[in-house]
Amino acid sequence: MSRTTNFMKMSFTFLQLNESVTSPKHNRTVAIINGPEKYATLRASLSQFFHEVNERISKGTISVNGRMCS
């Protein structure tokens, strides 16, 4: 998460990539939130996203372009 003034940018990257995961090329932006950097802001803004991420973690797989990856 990065912060510029009152905006937060939530992004992610897949750690299984063979290339450098710290490269901006591999970051995917999920949301840009206008609000204070606090847990309550994230919970209110991204509750559905966090629910889906936790669901994928519990299943252990994700479908990417119709292909199941684990």
C-alpha atoms as a PDB file:
ATOM      1  CA  MET A   1       0.000   0.000   0.000  1.00  0.00           C
ATOM      2  CA  SER A   2       1.318   3.420  -0.811  1.00  0.00           C
ATOM      3  CA  ARG A   3       0.048   6.808   0.265  1.00  0.00           C
ATOM      4  CA  THR A   4      -0.025  10.160  -1.480  1.00  0.00           C
ATOM      5  CA  THR A   5      -1.778  12.972   0.433  1.00  0.00           C
ATOM      6  CA  ASN A   6      -5.157  11.474   1.409  1.00  0.00           C
ATOM      7  CA  PHE A   7      -5.136   8.686  -1.183  1.00  0.00           C
ATOM      8  CA  MET A   8      -4.176   5.065  -0.589  1.00  0.00           C
ATOM      9  CA  LYS A   9      -3.352   2.706  -3.440  1.00  0.00           C
ATOM     10  CA  MET A  10      -3.872  -0.996  -2.783  1.00  0.00           C
ATOM     11  CA  SER A  11      -1.990  -3.290  -5.151  1.00  0.00           C
ATOM     12  CA  PHE A  12      -0.780  -6.885  -5.300  1.00  0.00           C
ATOM     13  CA  THR A  13       1.654  -9.101  -7.174  1.00  0.00           C
ATOM     14  CA  PHE A  14       1.903 -12.867  -7.679  1.00  0.00           C
ATOM     15  CA  LEU A  15       4.982 -14.100  -5.817  1.00  0.00           C
ATOM     16  CA  GLN A  16       5.362 -17.151  -8.069  1.00  0.00           C
ATOM     17  CA  LEU A  17       6.603 -15.072 -11.008  1.00  0.00           C
ATOM     18  CA  ASN A  18      10.119 -15.910 -12.142  1.00  0.00           C
ATOM     19  CA  GLU A  19      10.963 -12.246 -12.674  1.00  0.00           C
ATOM     20  CA  SER A  20      11.529  -9.613 -10.012  1.00  0.00           C
ATOM     21  CA  VAL A  21       8.309  -9.168  -8.005  1.00  0.00           C
ATOM     22  CA  THR A  22       9.431  -5.744  -6.855  1.00  0.00           C
ATOM     23  CA  SER A  23       9.209  -4.391 -10.389  1.00  0.00           C
ATOM     24  CA  PRO A  24       6.220  -2.052 -10.925  1.00  0.00           C
ATOM     25  CA  LYS A  25       5.546  -4.025 -14.100  1.00  0.00           C
ATOM     26  CA  HIS A  26       4.152  -6.892 -11.988  1.00  0.00           C
ATOM     27  CA  ASN A  27       2.010  -4.857  -9.572  1.00  0.00           C
ATOM     28  CA  ARG A  28      -1.742  -4.872 -10.147  1.00  0.00           C
ATOM     29  CA  THR A  29      -3.803  -2.033  -8.693  1.00  0.00           C
ATOM     30  CA  VAL A  30      -6.926  -3.191  -6.865  1.00  0.00           C
ATOM     31  CA  ALA A  31      -8.200   0.136  -5.548  1.00  0.00           C
ATOM     32  CA  ILE A  32      -7.417   3.791  -5.009  1.00  0.00           C
ATOM     33  CA  ILE A  33      -9.081   5.044  -1.842  1.00  0.00           C
ATOM     34  CA  ASN A  34      -9.627   8.641  -0.822  1.00  0.00           C
ATOM     35  CA  GLY A  35      -9.481   8.647   2.964  1.00  0.00           C
ATOM     36  CA  PRO A  36      -7.252   8.388   6.017  1.00  0.00           C
ATOM     37  CA  GLU A  37      -4.755   5.531   6.285  1.00  0.00           C
ATOM     38  CA  LYS A  38      -6.618   3.588   8.956  1.00  0.00           C
ATOM     39  CA  TYR A  39      -7.872   0.030   9.353  1.00  0.00           C
ATOM     40  CA  ALA A  40     -11.496   1.229   9.430  1.00  0.00           C
ATOM     41  CA  THR A  41     -11.083   2.885   6.023  1.00  0.00           C
ATOM     42  CA  LEU A  42      -9.664  -0.289   4.486  1.00  0.00           C
ATOM     43  CA  ARG A  43     -12.338  -2.458   6.096  1.00  0.00           C
ATOM     44  CA  ALA A  44     -15.147  -0.240   4.814  1.00  0.00           C
ATOM     45  CA  SER A  45     -13.669   0.183   1.331  1.00  0.00           C
ATOM     46  CA  LEU A  46     -12.280  -3.284   0.628  1.00  0.00           C
ATOM     47  CA  SER A  47     -14.312  -5.744   2.720  1.00  0.00           C
ATOM     48  CA  GLN A  48     -15.581  -7.630  -0.357  1.00  0.00           C
ATOM     49  CA  PHE A  49     -12.076  -7.798  -1.855  1.00  0.00           C
ATOM     50  CA  PHE A  50     -10.595  -9.168   1.400  1.00  0.00           C
ATOM     51  CA  HIS A  51     -13.423 -11.722   1.597  1.00  0.00           C
ATOM     52  CA  GLU A  52     -12.622 -12.945  -1.934  1.00  0.00           C
ATOM     53  CA  VAL A  53      -8.875 -13.100  -1.224  1.00  0.00           C
ATOM     54  CA  ASN A  54      -9.459 -15.117   1.946  1.00  0.00           C
ATOM     55  CA  GLU A  55     -11.794 -17.433   0.029  1.00  0.00           C
ATOM     56  CA  ARG A  56      -9.094 -18.067  -2.614  1.00  0.00           C
ATOM     57  CA  ILE A  57      -6.505 -18.725   0.083  1.00  0.00           C
ATOM     58  CA  SER A  58      -8.746 -21.300   1.765  1.00  0.00           C
ATOM     59  CA  LYS A  59      -9.414 -23.047  -1.581  1.00  0.00           C
ATOM     60  CA  GLY A  60      -5.719 -22.975  -2.479  1.00  0.00           C
ATOM     61  CA  THR A  61      -6.415 -22.330  -6.183  1.00  0.00           C
ATOM     62  CA  ILE A  62      -7.362 -19.517  -8.519  1.00  0.00           C
ATOM     63  CA  SER A  63      -8.572 -19.520 -12.121  1.00  0.00           C
ATOM     64  CA  VAL A  64      -6.458 -17.387 -14.463  1.00  0.00           C
ATOM     65  CA  ASN A  65      -7.677 -17.186 -18.061  1.00  0.00           C
ATOM     66  CA  GLY A  66      -9.684 -20.387 -17.537  1.00  0.00           C
ATOM     67  CA  ARG A  67      -6.668 -22.295 -16.155  1.00  0.00           C
ATOM     68  CA  MET A  68      -6.581 -23.424 -12.522  1.00  0.00           C
ATOM     69  CA  CYS A  69      -3.408 -22.388 -10.677  1.00  0.00           C
ATOM     70  CA  SER A  70      -2.382 -23.363  -7.174  1.00  0.00           C
END
